[in-house]
C-alpha atoms as a PDB file:
ATOM      1  CA  UNK A   1      14.976   1.674  -4.854  1.00  0.00           C
ATOM      2  CA  UNK A   2      17.313   0.873  -1.960  1.00  0.00           C
ATOM      3  CA  UNK A   3      20.224  -0.090  -4.209  1.00  0.00           C
ATOM      4  CA  UNK A   4      19.797   2.972  -6.420  1.00  0.00           C
ATOM      5  CA  UNK A   5      19.926   5.370  -3.448  1.00  0.00           C
ATOM      6  CA  UNK A   6      22.410   3.758  -1.058  1.00  0.00           C
ATOM      7  CA  UNK A   7      23.534   7.103   0.383  1.00  0.00           C
ATOM      8  CA  UNK A   8      19.966   8.113   1.262  1.00  0.00           C
ATOM      9  CA  UNK A   9      18.883   4.968   3.112  1.00  0.00           C
ATOM     10  CA  UNK A  10      20.721   3.228   5.947  1.00  0.00           C
ATOM     11  CA  UNK A  11      19.187  -0.142   5.193  1.00  0.00           C
ATOM     12  CA  UNK A  12      16.385  -1.897   3.326  1.00  0.00           C
ATOM     13  CA  UNK A  13      14.023  -1.582   6.286  1.00  0.00           C
ATOM     14  CA  UNK A  14      14.444   2.214   6.325  1.00  0.00           C
ATOM     15  CA  UNK A  15      13.695   2.381   2.590  1.00  0.00           C
ATOM     16  CA  UNK A  16      10.579   0.243   3.071  1.00  0.00           C
ATOM     17  CA  UNK A  17       9.398   2.447   5.933  1.00  0.00           C
ATOM     18  CA  UNK A  18       9.719   5.547   3.772  1.00  0.00           C
ATOM     19  CA  UNK A  19       7.708   3.948   0.960  1.00  0.00           C
ATOM     20  CA  UNK A  20       5.074   2.658   3.392  1.00  0.00           C
ATOM     21  CA  UNK A  21       4.677   6.007   5.162  1.00  0.00           C
ATOM     22  CA  UNK A  22       2.621   7.675   2.408  1.00  0.00           C
ATOM     23  CA  UNK A  23       0.392   4.605   2.189  1.00  0.00           C
ATOM     24  CA  UNK A  24      -0.015   4.531   5.968  1.00  0.00           C
ATOM     25  CA  UNK A  25      -0.871   8.236   6.113  1.00  0.00           C
ATOM     26  CA  UNK A  26      -3.471   7.898   3.354  1.00  0.00           C
ATOM     27  CA  UNK A  27      -5.168   4.924   5.040  1.00  0.00           C
ATOM     28  CA  UNK A  28      -5.207   6.669   8.432  1.00  0.00           C
ATOM     29  CA  UNK A  29      -6.892   9.700   6.852  1.00  0.00           C
ATOM     30  CA  UNK A  30      -9.423   7.498   5.031  1.00  0.00           C
ATOM     31  CA  UNK A  31     -10.221   5.615   8.248  1.00  0.00           C
ATOM     32  CA  UNK A  32     -10.729   8.939  10.044  1.00  0.00           C
ATOM     33  CA  UNK A  33     -13.497   9.671   7.519  1.00  0.00           C
ATOM     34  CA  UNK A  34     -14.933   6.139   7.548  1.00  0.00           C
ATOM     35  CA  UNK A  35     -13.900   3.685  10.266  1.00  0.00           C
ATOM     36  CA  UNK A  36     -14.942   0.760   8.011  1.00  0.00           C
ATOM     37  CA  UNK A  37     -12.828   1.980   5.075  1.00  0.00           C
ATOM     38  CA  UNK A  38     -10.418  -0.968   4.935  1.00  0.00           C
ATOM     39  CA  UNK A  39     -13.142  -3.558   5.605  1.00  0.00           C
ATOM     40  CA  UNK A  40     -15.257  -2.163   2.778  1.00  0.00           C
ATOM     41  CA  UNK A  41     -12.593  -1.221   0.220  1.00  0.00           C
ATOM     42  CA  UNK A  42      -9.881  -3.852   0.772  1.00  0.00           C
ATOM     43  CA  UNK A  43     -10.551  -6.668   3.273  1.00  0.00           C
ATOM     44  CA  UNK A  44     -11.132  -7.536   6.896  1.00  0.00           C
ATOM     45  CA  UNK A  45      -7.653  -9.069   7.123  1.00  0.00           C
ATOM     46  CA  UNK A  46      -6.096  -5.848   5.827  1.00  0.00           C
ATOM     47  CA  UNK A  47      -7.987  -3.928   8.492  1.00  0.00           C
ATOM     48  CA  UNK A  48      -6.849  -6.264  11.273  1.00  0.00           C
ATOM     49  CA  UNK A  49      -3.201  -6.181  10.195  1.00  0.00           C
ATOM     50  CA  UNK A  50      -3.269  -2.387   9.816  1.00  0.00           C
ATOM     51  CA  UNK A  51      -4.488  -2.081  13.413  1.00  0.00           C
ATOM     52  CA  UNK A  52      -1.499  -4.259  14.363  1.00  0.00           C
ATOM     53  CA  UNK A  53       0.818  -1.798  12.586  1.00  0.00           C
ATOM     54  CA  UNK A  54       1.432  -3.492   9.242  1.00  0.00           C
ATOM     55  CA  UNK A  55       0.549  -2.374   5.712  1.00  0.00           C
ATOM     56  CA  UNK A  56       1.722  -5.639   4.132  1.00  0.00           C
ATOM     57  CA  UNK A  57      -1.780  -7.153   3.937  1.00  0.00           C
ATOM     58  CA  UNK A  58      -3.119  -3.968   2.339  1.00  0.00           C
ATOM     59  CA  UNK A  59      -0.374  -4.130  -0.283  1.00  0.00           C
ATOM     60  CA  UNK A  60      -1.009  -7.815  -0.986  1.00  0.00           C
ATOM     61  CA  UNK A  61      -4.798  -7.505  -1.208  1.00  0.00           C
ATOM     62  CA  UNK A  62      -4.711  -4.369  -3.346  1.00  0.00           C
ATOM     63  CA  UNK A  63      -2.231  -6.038  -5.711  1.00  0.00           C
ATOM     64  CA  UNK A  64      -4.675  -8.927  -6.156  1.00  0.00           C
ATOM     65  CA  UNK A  65      -7.717  -6.662  -6.573  1.00  0.00           C
ATOM     66  CA  UNK A  66      -5.955  -4.393  -9.071  1.00  0.00           C
ATOM     67  CA  UNK A  67      -8.314  -2.236 -11.140  1.00  0.00           C
ATOM     68  CA  UNK A  68     -11.330  -3.777  -9.372  1.00  0.00           C
ATOM     69  CA  UNK A  69     -10.419  -1.772  -6.269  1.00  0.00           C
ATOM     70  CA  UNK A  70     -12.858   1.061  -5.593  1.00  0.00           C
ATOM     71  CA  UNK A  71     -10.135   3.518  -4.555  1.00  0.00           C
ATOM     72  CA  UNK A  72      -7.748   4.456  -7.351  1.00  0.00           C
ATOM     73  CA  UNK A  73      -5.590   6.643  -5.082  1.00  0.00           C
ATOM     74  CA  UNK A  74      -4.945   3.632  -2.854  1.00  0.00           C
ATOM     75  CA  UNK A  75      -4.184   1.548  -5.943  1.00  0.00           C
ATOM     76  CA  UNK A  76      -1.641   4.125  -7.094  1.00  0.00           C
ATOM     77  CA  UNK A  77       0.026   4.259  -3.673  1.00  0.00           C
ATOM     78  CA  UNK A  78       0.319   0.479  -3.512  1.00  0.00           C
ATOM     79  CA  UNK A  79       1.629   0.389  -7.077  1.00  0.00           C
ATOM     80  CA  UNK A  80       4.316   2.867  -6.041  1.00  0.00           C
ATOM     81  CA  UNK A  81       5.289   0.656  -3.117  1.00  0.00           C
ATOM     82  CA  UNK A  82       5.436  -2.465  -5.313  1.00  0.00           C
ATOM     83  CA  UNK A  83       6.950  -1.233  -8.554  1.00  0.00           C
ATOM     84  CA  UNK A  84       8.204   2.326  -8.150  1.00  0.00           C
ATOM     85  CA  UNK A  85       5.044   3.785  -9.674  1.00  0.00           C
ATOM     86  CA  UNK A  86       3.946   1.138 -12.180  1.00  0.00           C
ATOM     87  CA  UNK A  87       0.222   0.491 -11.957  1.00  0.00           C
ATOM     88  CA  UNK A  88      -1.081  -2.924 -10.944  1.00  0.00           C
ATOM     89  CA  UNK A  89      -3.332  -4.632 -13.492  1.00  0.00           C
ATOM     90  CA  UNK A  90      -6.480  -6.653 -12.803  1.00  0.00           C
ATOM     91  CA  UNK A  91      -4.534  -9.863 -12.377  1.00  0.00           C
ATOM     92  CA  UNK A  92      -2.006  -8.335 -10.007  1.00  0.00           C
ATOM     93  CA  UNK A  93       0.815  -8.071 -12.540  1.00  0.00           C
ATOM     94  CA  UNK A  94       2.436  -4.734 -13.278  1.00  0.00           C
ATOM     95  CA  UNK A  95       2.275  -2.752 -16.517  1.00  0.00           C
END
C-alpha cells in the first residue's frame, strides 16, 4: 500500500497508522460495550498489548484464529490490515 501511494503517505509508519486506525477504533468501541471483549474474542495477550497501545498482537492472533474467530467484522478489519482486504483463512493464510 505504501509503495502504491507514495504521495499520500510520508513514510511506512504513517501508512501503518492509517490502516491500524480503523481497527483501533472498532476495538475501542467493542470494549466500551464489553470490557472483556478482547479477552473473550481474541486473547489475553491481545488485550494487554492493546492497553499498551499496540494492535500488533490483535492482528497476529486474529490471523491465526481465522474463520474460527467469533467476530467477523474484526476478522475483516485485520484482513484489510494484512492483505489489503483479502480474507484470512482458518490456517492464517490469505485467499
